[in-house]
């Protein structure tokens, strides 16, 4: 359970950095508390998308992983971020990613920040 909480906090922090750095990734809300709750819910949604959809997508695009020496990972991460944005819209959450290239940059930022936070935060259950 502790590992799940740590990963959710890391995802929320990484998403917050992406929202802060990129103008076309938006998180709106009336107050800081509402934005924080929305960010945590979006982080849970992002984790769920990465848990359920990303492995299937990786298997289906495995030849492209070999052909591009793993650079297709940027596209897969962007698609996961766009899917999260779409689901957030369907769930009436105030999180939106505008455009594919913004999602590519956002996915790169989220990957780097999430990796750094996983290094710093404890990982054992």
Protein backbone atom coordinates (compact mmCIF):
# COMPACT_ATOMS: atom_id res chain seq x y z
CA UNK A 1 0.00 0.00 0.00
CA UNK A 2 2.84 2.38 0.82
CA UNK A 3 4.36 1.77 -2.62
CA UNK A 4 1.04 2.70 -4.27
CA UNK A 5 0.86 5.96 -2.30
CA UNK A 6 4.47 6.82 -3.15
CA UNK A 7 3.88 6.20 -6.86
CA UNK A 8 0.71 8.29 -6.81
CA UNK A 9 2.53 11.16 -5.08
CA UNK A 10 5.36 10.90 -7.61
CA UNK A 11 2.89 10.95 -10.52
CA UNK A 12 1.06 13.94 -9.02
CA UNK A 13 4.35 15.79 -8.58
CA UNK A 14 5.44 14.99 -12.12
CA UNK A 15 2.07 16.11 -13.51
CA UNK A 16 2.31 19.33 -11.47
CA UNK A 17 5.73 20.10 -12.96
CA UNK A 18 4.39 19.46 -16.48
CA UNK A 19 1.41 21.77 -15.81
CA UNK A 20 3.79 24.41 -14.46
CA UNK A 21 6.25 24.22 -17.39
CA UNK A 22 3.90 23.85 -20.35
CA UNK A 23 1.18 26.40 -21.09
CA UNK A 24 -0.88 23.96 -23.14
CA UNK A 25 -1.29 21.50 -20.25
CA UNK A 26 -3.88 23.09 -18.04
CA UNK A 27 -5.22 22.41 -14.59
CA UNK A 28 -7.97 24.79 -13.53
CA UNK A 29 -9.82 25.15 -10.29
CA UNK A 30 -11.27 27.64 -7.87
CA UNK A 31 -8.80 27.06 -5.07
CA UNK A 32 -5.47 25.43 -4.37
CA UNK A 33 -7.20 22.63 -2.49
CA UNK A 34 -9.47 21.83 -5.43
CA UNK A 35 -6.47 21.88 -7.80
CA UNK A 36 -4.57 19.53 -5.47
CA UNK A 37 -7.46 17.06 -5.27
CA UNK A 38 -7.89 17.21 -9.05
CA UNK A 39 -4.17 16.63 -9.53
CA UNK A 40 -4.23 13.57 -7.24
CA UNK A 41 -7.28 12.14 -9.03
CA UNK A 42 -5.61 12.74 -12.41
CA UNK A 43 -2.43 11.09 -11.06
CA UNK A 44 -4.50 8.04 -10.06
CA UNK A 45 -6.11 8.03 -13.49
CA UNK A 46 -2.70 8.36 -15.17
CA UNK A 47 -1.38 5.46 -13.09
CA UNK A 48 -4.40 3.35 -14.01
CA UNK A 49 -3.98 4.12 -17.72
CA UNK A 50 -0.28 3.26 -17.52
CA UNK A 51 -1.07 0.04 -15.65
CA UNK A 52 -3.83 -1.19 -17.97
CA UNK A 53 -3.22 0.22 -21.44
CA UNK A 54 0.54 0.82 -21.71
CA UNK A 55 1.62 -2.87 -21.54
CA UNK A 56 -0.83 -3.77 -24.30
CA UNK A 57 0.38 -0.89 -26.44
CA UNK A 58 4.01 -1.86 -25.84
CA UNK A 59 3.36 -5.43 -26.99
CA UNK A 60 1.55 -4.23 -30.11
CA UNK A 61 4.32 -1.78 -31.01
CA UNK A 62 7.25 -4.03 -30.08
CA UNK A 63 8.67 -4.09 -33.64
CA UNK A 64 8.70 -0.27 -33.60
CA UNK A 65 10.58 -0.32 -30.28
CA UNK A 66 13.31 -2.37 -31.92
CA UNK A 67 13.29 -0.36 -35.16
CA UNK A 68 13.49 3.05 -33.43
CA UNK A 69 15.81 1.87 -30.63
CA UNK A 70 13.18 2.78 -28.05
CA UNK A 71 12.37 6.30 -29.24
CA UNK A 72 8.78 5.20 -29.86
CA UNK A 73 8.51 5.30 -26.05
CA UNK A 74 8.06 9.07 -26.35
CA UNK A 75 5.05 8.53 -28.59
CA UNK A 76 3.59 5.86 -26.30
CA UNK A 77 3.98 8.16 -23.27
CA UNK A 78 2.33 10.99 -25.22
CA UNK A 79 -0.59 8.74 -26.12
CA UNK A 80 -0.98 7.74 -22.46
CA UNK A 81 -1.06 11.41 -21.46
CA UNK A 82 -3.61 12.23 -24.18
CA UNK A 83 -5.76 9.28 -23.07
CA UNK A 84 -5.58 10.53 -19.49
CA UNK A 85 -6.63 14.00 -20.66
CA UNK A 86 -9.55 12.53 -22.59
CA UNK A 87 -10.67 10.43 -19.61
CA UNK A 88 -10.33 13.44 -17.30
CA UNK A 89 -12.60 15.38 -19.64
CA UNK A 90 -15.16 12.55 -19.58
CA UNK A 91 -15.01 12.50 -15.76
CA UNK A 92 -15.43 16.31 -15.68
CA UNK A 93 -11.98 16.92 -14.19
CA UNK A 94 -10.29 20.21 -15.01
CA UNK A 95 -7.16 18.75 -16.63
CA UNK A 96 -6.46 19.14 -20.34
CA UNK A 97 -3.56 18.49 -22.72
CA UNK A 98 -3.78 20.42 -25.97
CA UNK A 99 -2.16 18.70 -28.93
CA UNK A 100 0.14 15.80 -29.68
CA UNK A 101 3.46 17.66 -29.46
CA UNK A 102 2.51 19.16 -26.13
CA UNK A 103 1.76 15.60 -24.97
CA UNK A 104 5.19 14.45 -26.22
CA UNK A 105 6.93 17.21 -24.24
CA UNK A 106 4.66 16.60 -21.26
CA UNK A 107 5.34 12.87 -21.36
CA UNK A 108 9.08 13.54 -21.44
CA UNK A 109 8.86 15.94 -18.50
CA UNK A 110 6.65 13.54 -16.53
CA UNK A 111 9.05 10.64 -17.19
CA UNK A 112 12.10 12.60 -16.04
CA UNK A 113 10.45 14.12 -12.94
CA UNK A 114 8.79 10.83 -12.00
CA UNK A 115 12.11 9.00 -12.29
CA UNK A 116 13.82 11.63 -10.10
CA UNK A 117 11.06 11.45 -7.49
CA UNK A 118 11.21 7.65 -7.43
CA UNK A 119 14.94 7.90 -6.72
CA UNK A 120 14.33 10.28 -3.80
CA UNK A 121 11.13 8.81 -2.33
CA UNK A 122 11.14 5.46 -0.46
CA UNK A 123 10.02 2.49 -2.54
CA UNK A 124 9.62 -0.46 -0.15
CA UNK A 125 6.30 -1.74 1.21
